[in-house]
């Protein structure tokens, strides 16, 4: 009985060779897989060009920020089209980078996302837990 062929990338990952696995995935054209592998070992700067190649500006901005390249993140955001703004804002707001790297362009993109998030969550708030504080009204 023959076992199914084993993917070299799976083999490398199983042995902790994430960077080499990501390089092979890149060579195969599996860019999202390569990005994921680079992210697992915090090689955000190596994943950044792959996100740009994919045209995923939101992911590229987040990878630049994760790689401690706020100026590059701003450059990518400035070059983005209006259609990419929600993706960029969602990616950078998700990790709280707006507060740490208050680049005006990034802040302006994330602000509407945060407001939408807050307004949406207000309906889910458990107002009953405030009952004990009725005397504060």
Protein backbone atom coordinates (compact mmCIF):
# COMPACT_ATOMS: atom_id res chain seq x y z
CA UNK A 1 0.00 0.00 0.00
CA UNK A 2 1.48 3.31 -1.10
CA UNK A 3 1.06 6.46 0.97
CA UNK A 4 -0.10 9.64 -0.75
CA UNK A 5 2.62 12.02 -1.92
CA UNK A 6 3.78 14.36 0.82
CA UNK A 7 3.93 18.05 -0.02
CA UNK A 8 7.43 19.43 0.55
CA UNK A 9 5.94 22.58 2.09
CA UNK A 10 4.04 20.53 4.66
CA UNK A 11 7.22 18.60 5.37
CA UNK A 12 9.24 21.80 5.91
CA UNK A 13 6.54 23.30 8.14
CA UNK A 14 6.41 20.11 10.20
CA UNK A 15 10.14 20.54 10.76
CA UNK A 16 9.97 24.25 11.56
CA UNK A 17 11.48 25.50 8.30
CA UNK A 18 8.82 28.15 7.68
CA UNK A 19 11.00 30.57 5.73
CA UNK A 20 12.15 27.90 3.28
CA UNK A 21 8.56 26.67 2.96
CA UNK A 22 7.43 30.23 2.23
CA UNK A 23 10.10 30.59 -0.47
CA UNK A 24 8.93 27.41 -2.17
CA UNK A 25 5.30 28.52 -1.93
CA UNK A 26 6.32 31.83 -3.55
CA UNK A 27 8.13 29.98 -6.35
CA UNK A 28 4.99 27.92 -6.94
CA UNK A 29 2.88 31.07 -7.11
CA UNK A 30 1.08 30.32 -3.85
CA UNK A 31 1.53 33.86 -2.55
CA UNK A 32 -1.18 33.84 0.13
CA UNK A 33 0.21 30.62 1.52
CA UNK A 34 3.71 32.12 1.53
CA UNK A 35 2.46 35.24 3.34
CA UNK A 36 0.79 33.07 5.96
CA UNK A 37 4.01 31.13 6.48
CA UNK A 38 6.09 34.29 6.79
CA UNK A 39 3.61 35.71 9.30
CA UNK A 40 3.93 32.60 11.49
CA UNK A 41 7.61 33.42 12.05
CA UNK A 42 7.13 37.21 12.15
CA UNK A 43 8.89 37.82 8.83
CA UNK A 44 6.44 40.58 7.91
CA UNK A 45 8.94 42.49 5.79
CA UNK A 46 9.49 39.38 3.64
CA UNK A 47 5.73 38.97 3.20
CA UNK A 48 5.17 42.63 2.27
CA UNK A 49 6.19 42.46 -1.42
CA UNK A 50 3.97 39.42 -1.88
CA UNK A 51 0.92 41.33 -0.63
CA UNK A 52 1.77 44.18 -3.00
CA UNK A 53 2.11 41.70 -5.88
CA UNK A 54 -1.36 40.36 -5.01
CA UNK A 55 -2.69 43.92 -5.02
CA UNK A 56 -3.93 43.55 -1.44
CA UNK A 57 -3.12 47.04 -0.15
CA UNK A 58 -4.86 46.47 3.16
CA UNK A 59 -2.73 43.45 3.91
CA UNK A 60 0.38 45.28 2.67
CA UNK A 61 -0.25 48.19 5.05
CA UNK A 62 -0.73 45.82 7.97
CA UNK A 63 2.43 43.88 7.12
CA UNK A 64 4.40 47.12 6.87
CA UNK A 65 3.12 48.19 10.28
CA UNK A 66 3.80 44.76 11.77
CA UNK A 67 7.29 45.00 10.31
CA UNK A 68 7.75 48.36 12.06
CA UNK A 69 7.73 50.31 8.79
CA UNK A 70 5.11 53.03 9.43
CA UNK A 71 6.49 55.30 6.70
CA UNK A 72 6.18 52.47 4.14
CA UNK A 73 2.65 51.77 5.38
CA UNK A 74 1.74 55.41 4.80
CA UNK A 75 3.31 55.31 1.35
CA UNK A 76 1.24 52.25 0.43
CA UNK A 77 -1.93 53.85 1.82
CA UNK A 78 -1.26 57.08 -0.09
CA UNK A 79 -0.90 55.13 -3.35
CA UNK A 80 -4.10 53.17 -2.75
CA UNK A 81 -7.32 53.82 -4.57
CA UNK A 82 -10.52 54.80 -2.81
CA UNK A 83 -11.80 51.23 -3.25
CA UNK A 84 -8.90 49.92 -1.16
CA UNK A 85 -9.59 52.25 1.79
CA UNK A 86 -12.00 49.93 3.68
CA UNK A 87 -9.55 47.03 3.40
CA UNK A 88 -6.66 49.18 4.58
CA UNK A 89 -8.65 50.63 7.46
CA UNK A 90 -9.88 47.22 8.59
CA UNK A 91 -6.39 45.73 8.54
CA UNK A 92 -4.69 48.53 10.46
CA UNK A 93 -7.50 49.16 12.95
CA UNK A 94 -7.71 45.47 13.82
CA UNK A 95 -4.33 45.53 15.54
CA UNK A 96 -4.64 48.95 17.15
CA UNK A 97 -1.83 50.48 15.12
CA UNK A 98 -3.73 53.72 14.71
CA UNK A 99 -3.05 54.65 18.30
CA UNK A 100 0.60 53.65 18.17
CA UNK A 101 1.44 55.14 14.77
CA UNK A 102 -0.79 58.14 14.35
CA UNK A 103 -0.04 58.77 10.69
CA UNK A 104 -2.84 61.13 9.53
CA UNK A 105 -3.71 59.14 6.39
CA UNK A 106 -3.97 55.88 8.31
CA UNK A 107 -5.97 57.50 11.11
CA UNK A 108 -8.45 59.01 8.64
CA UNK A 109 -8.96 55.62 7.01
CA UNK A 110 -9.53 53.80 10.29
CA UNK A 111 -11.78 56.34 12.02
CA UNK A 112 -14.96 55.42 10.07
CA UNK A 113 -14.31 51.74 10.69
CA UNK A 114 -14.04 52.33 14.45
CA UNK A 115 -17.21 54.42 14.53
CA UNK A 116 -19.10 51.75 12.60
CA UNK A 117 -17.77 49.10 14.96
CA UNK A 118 -18.84 51.09 18.04
CA UNK A 119 -22.33 51.83 16.69
CA UNK A 120 -22.81 48.18 15.75
CA UNK A 121 -21.67 46.95 19.16
CA UNK A 122 -23.92 49.33 21.11
CA UNK A 123 -26.90 47.13 20.19
CA UNK A 124 -25.11 44.11 21.66
CA UNK A 125 -24.27 45.81 24.96
CA UNK A 126 -25.68 44.10 28.05
CA UNK A 127 -27.55 47.03 29.56
CA UNK A 128 -28.98 44.86 32.36
CA UNK A 129 -25.67 44.80 34.19
CA UNK A 130 -26.10 48.50 34.88
CA UNK A 131 -29.23 47.84 36.99
CA UNK A 132 -27.24 47.86 40.19
CA UNK A 133 -26.10 51.41 39.49
CA UNK A 134 -29.55 52.97 39.15
CA UNK A 135 -28.75 55.61 41.73
CA UNK A 136 -26.12 57.07 39.36
CA UNK A 137 -28.64 58.04 36.67
